[in-house]
Amino acid sequence: MDDVDRSILAVLEKHGRVSNAELAAQVGLSPSPCLRRVRRLEETGVIRGYRMLIDPAATGRGLRVFAGVRLVRHARADVVAFERAVIQLPEVVHTHHVTGNYDYLLQVEVADLAAYEDFHANRLASLPGVAMVTSYVTMKTLSADTARPAGRRRLERPAN
């Protein structure tokens, strides 16, 4: 991946619906080579897909909760059972296997606190292997953009 590829990624992260002609102009290529690069980035898995960012509140999911989940045991069968079950829950929009005090960190989006209470009591806490759930209710979201700094070069360590 070179600087042109990083520039392509930076533009697509901010404007995923940009036309190929406009993308090519922004990164300094003609349309054909630009399209070849985009297709190569897609085929190699660098670009995994294109998504639309939707306001959760507009779709009845205005409450965002982060839930730290600790499992009873870490036997492979227990981990697999939990992972298979948690990815089936539509309220869980992101699931991360983490280190630290919890085994998993979940991002949950529901309508309101009553909906989360129901989800927690009747679905999340009853998943296979769950020992404990600690919930963090989001009061305000300061940054919700999913764009990564792909177009920026890595910072080099200063020479000593």
Protein backbone atom coordinates (compact mmCIF):
# COMPACT_ATOMS: atom_id res chain seq x y z
CA MET A 1 0.00 0.00 0.00
CA ASP A 2 1.42 3.33 -1.03
CA ASP A 3 0.50 6.97 -0.40
CA VAL A 4 -2.00 6.99 -3.29
CA ASP A 5 -3.83 3.98 -1.81
CA ARG A 6 -3.90 5.71 1.58
CA SER A 7 -5.31 8.83 -0.06
CA ILE A 8 -8.01 6.77 -1.76
CA LEU A 9 -8.94 5.19 1.57
CA ALA A 10 -9.05 8.56 3.33
CA VAL A 11 -11.46 9.97 0.75
CA LEU A 12 -13.67 6.86 0.74
CA GLU A 13 -13.84 6.80 4.55
CA LYS A 14 -15.27 10.30 4.59
CA HIS A 15 -17.30 10.09 1.38
CA GLY A 16 -18.11 6.46 0.56
CA ARG A 17 -20.56 7.45 -2.17
CA VAL A 18 -18.11 9.61 -4.11
CA SER A 19 -18.03 8.86 -7.84
CA ASN A 20 -14.91 7.28 -9.29
CA ALA A 21 -14.29 10.39 -11.41
CA GLU A 22 -14.41 12.65 -8.35
CA LEU A 23 -12.28 10.23 -6.32
CA ALA A 24 -9.69 10.12 -9.10
CA ALA A 25 -9.56 13.92 -9.24
CA GLN A 26 -9.13 14.18 -5.46
CA VAL A 27 -6.21 11.74 -5.37
CA GLY A 28 -4.53 12.91 -8.57
CA LEU A 29 -5.19 9.94 -10.86
CA SER A 30 -7.14 9.43 -14.03
CA PRO A 31 -10.38 7.41 -13.55
CA SER A 32 -9.19 4.06 -14.97
CA PRO A 33 -6.11 3.61 -12.73
CA CYS A 34 -8.12 4.89 -9.76
CA LEU A 35 -10.84 2.31 -10.33
CA ARG A 36 -8.21 -0.45 -10.68
CA ARG A 37 -6.72 0.56 -7.33
CA VAL A 38 -10.12 0.63 -5.62
CA ARG A 39 -10.97 -2.81 -7.00
CA ARG A 40 -7.59 -4.16 -5.85
CA LEU A 41 -8.20 -2.73 -2.36
CA GLU A 42 -11.62 -4.42 -2.35
CA GLU A 43 -10.31 -7.77 -3.64
CA THR A 44 -7.47 -7.89 -1.10
CA GLY A 45 -9.85 -7.14 1.77
CA VAL A 46 -8.44 -3.73 2.66
CA ILE A 47 -11.85 -2.29 1.80
CA ARG A 48 -14.28 -4.66 3.49
CA GLY A 49 -17.48 -2.96 2.43
CA TYR A 50 -19.44 0.26 2.23
CA ARG A 51 -21.89 1.33 4.90
CA MET A 52 -24.25 4.12 5.67
CA LEU A 53 -24.16 5.82 9.07
CA ILE A 54 -27.68 6.06 10.45
CA ASP A 55 -28.75 8.08 13.47
CA PRO A 56 -29.76 5.42 16.04
CA ALA A 57 -32.31 7.75 17.68
CA ALA A 58 -34.12 8.15 14.36
CA THR A 59 -34.67 4.39 14.25
CA GLY A 60 -35.82 3.98 17.84
CA ARG A 61 -32.42 3.05 19.27
CA GLY A 62 -31.57 6.26 21.09
CA LEU A 63 -29.93 4.70 24.15
CA ARG A 64 -26.38 3.42 23.77
CA VAL A 65 -24.99 1.21 26.53
CA PHE A 66 -21.55 -0.36 26.80
CA ALA A 67 -21.69 -3.68 28.62
CA GLY A 68 -18.67 -5.42 30.06
CA VAL A 69 -19.29 -9.16 30.17
CA ARG A 70 -17.32 -11.64 32.24
CA LEU A 71 -17.69 -15.36 31.56
CA VAL A 72 -17.89 -18.07 34.21
CA ARG A 73 -15.22 -20.19 32.51
CA HIS A 74 -12.86 -19.76 29.60
CA ALA A 75 -13.08 -23.28 28.25
CA ARG A 76 -13.23 -23.19 24.46
CA ALA A 77 -16.73 -24.67 24.33
CA ASP A 78 -18.05 -21.98 26.70
CA VAL A 79 -16.42 -19.17 24.71
CA VAL A 80 -17.79 -20.51 21.43
CA ALA A 81 -21.30 -20.90 22.90
CA PHE A 82 -21.29 -17.33 24.19
CA GLU A 83 -19.94 -15.89 20.92
CA ARG A 84 -22.50 -17.76 18.81
CA ALA A 85 -25.34 -16.52 21.03
CA VAL A 86 -24.27 -12.89 21.41
CA ILE A 87 -23.89 -12.24 17.68
CA GLN A 88 -27.53 -13.25 17.23
CA LEU A 89 -28.78 -10.34 19.37
CA PRO A 90 -29.83 -7.44 17.12
CA GLU A 91 -29.44 -4.96 20.00
CA VAL A 92 -25.70 -5.70 20.14
CA VAL A 93 -24.10 -3.62 17.38
CA HIS A 94 -20.44 -4.29 18.26
CA THR A 95 -18.82 -7.15 20.16
CA HIS A 96 -15.17 -7.05 21.18
CA HIS A 97 -13.21 -9.81 22.93
CA VAL A 98 -10.97 -7.81 25.27
CA THR A 99 -8.37 -8.15 27.98
CA GLY A 100 -8.70 -6.67 31.44
CA ASN A 101 -11.60 -6.84 33.89
CA TYR A 102 -14.04 -8.19 31.29
CA ASP A 103 -13.91 -10.84 28.64
CA TYR A 104 -16.15 -8.97 26.18
CA LEU A 105 -17.14 -5.38 25.64
CA LEU A 106 -20.48 -4.95 23.88
CA GLN A 107 -22.05 -1.87 22.36
CA VAL A 108 -25.80 -2.14 22.79
CA GLU A 109 -28.38 0.16 21.22
CA VAL A 110 -32.00 0.14 22.42
CA ALA A 111 -34.91 2.57 22.64
CA ASP A 112 -34.60 3.61 26.27
CA LEU A 113 -33.61 2.53 29.77
CA ALA A 114 -36.69 0.33 30.19
CA ALA A 115 -35.80 -1.48 26.95
CA TYR A 116 -32.24 -1.99 28.19
CA GLU A 117 -33.46 -3.31 31.53
CA ASP A 118 -35.59 -5.87 29.68
CA PHE A 119 -32.74 -6.75 27.29
CA HIS A 120 -30.27 -7.13 30.18
CA ALA A 121 -32.54 -9.24 32.38
CA ASN A 122 -34.15 -11.44 29.76
CA ARG A 123 -31.55 -11.84 27.05
CA LEU A 124 -28.01 -10.71 27.86
CA ALA A 125 -27.66 -12.10 31.40
CA SER A 126 -29.09 -15.44 30.26
CA LEU A 127 -26.56 -16.02 27.47
CA PRO A 128 -24.44 -19.18 27.87
CA GLY A 129 -21.56 -18.79 30.30
CA VAL A 130 -22.28 -15.24 31.50
CA ALA A 131 -21.09 -14.68 35.06
CA MET A 132 -21.45 -10.92 35.30
CA VAL A 133 -22.51 -7.88 33.25
CA THR A 134 -21.47 -4.33 34.08
CA SER A 135 -23.35 -1.64 32.16
CA TYR A 136 -22.21 1.85 31.25
CA VAL A 137 -24.99 4.11 29.97
CA THR A 138 -23.82 6.72 27.48
CA MET A 139 -24.83 10.23 28.49
CA LYS A 140 -23.40 11.97 25.43
CA THR A 141 -21.45 10.89 22.36
CA LEU A 142 -18.67 13.27 21.42
CA SER A 143 -17.41 11.43 18.37
CA ALA A 144 -19.34 8.81 16.41
CA ASP A 145 -17.54 8.87 13.07
CA THR A 146 -16.13 5.51 12.01
CA ALA A 147 -13.41 6.96 9.78
CA ARG A 148 -9.85 5.93 10.52
CA PRO A 149 -6.76 7.98 9.72
CA ALA A 150 -5.81 5.74 6.76
CA GLY A 151 -4.73 8.69 4.67
CA ARG A 152 -2.18 9.83 7.23
CA ARG A 153 1.33 8.56 7.29
CA ARG A 154 2.52 6.78 10.38
CA LEU A 155 4.36 8.95 12.81
CA GLU A 156 8.02 8.16 12.82
CA ARG A 157 9.90 7.94 16.08
CA PRO A 158 12.41 10.73 16.43
CA ALA A 159 16.02 9.72 15.96
CA ASN A 160 18.12 9.80 19.12
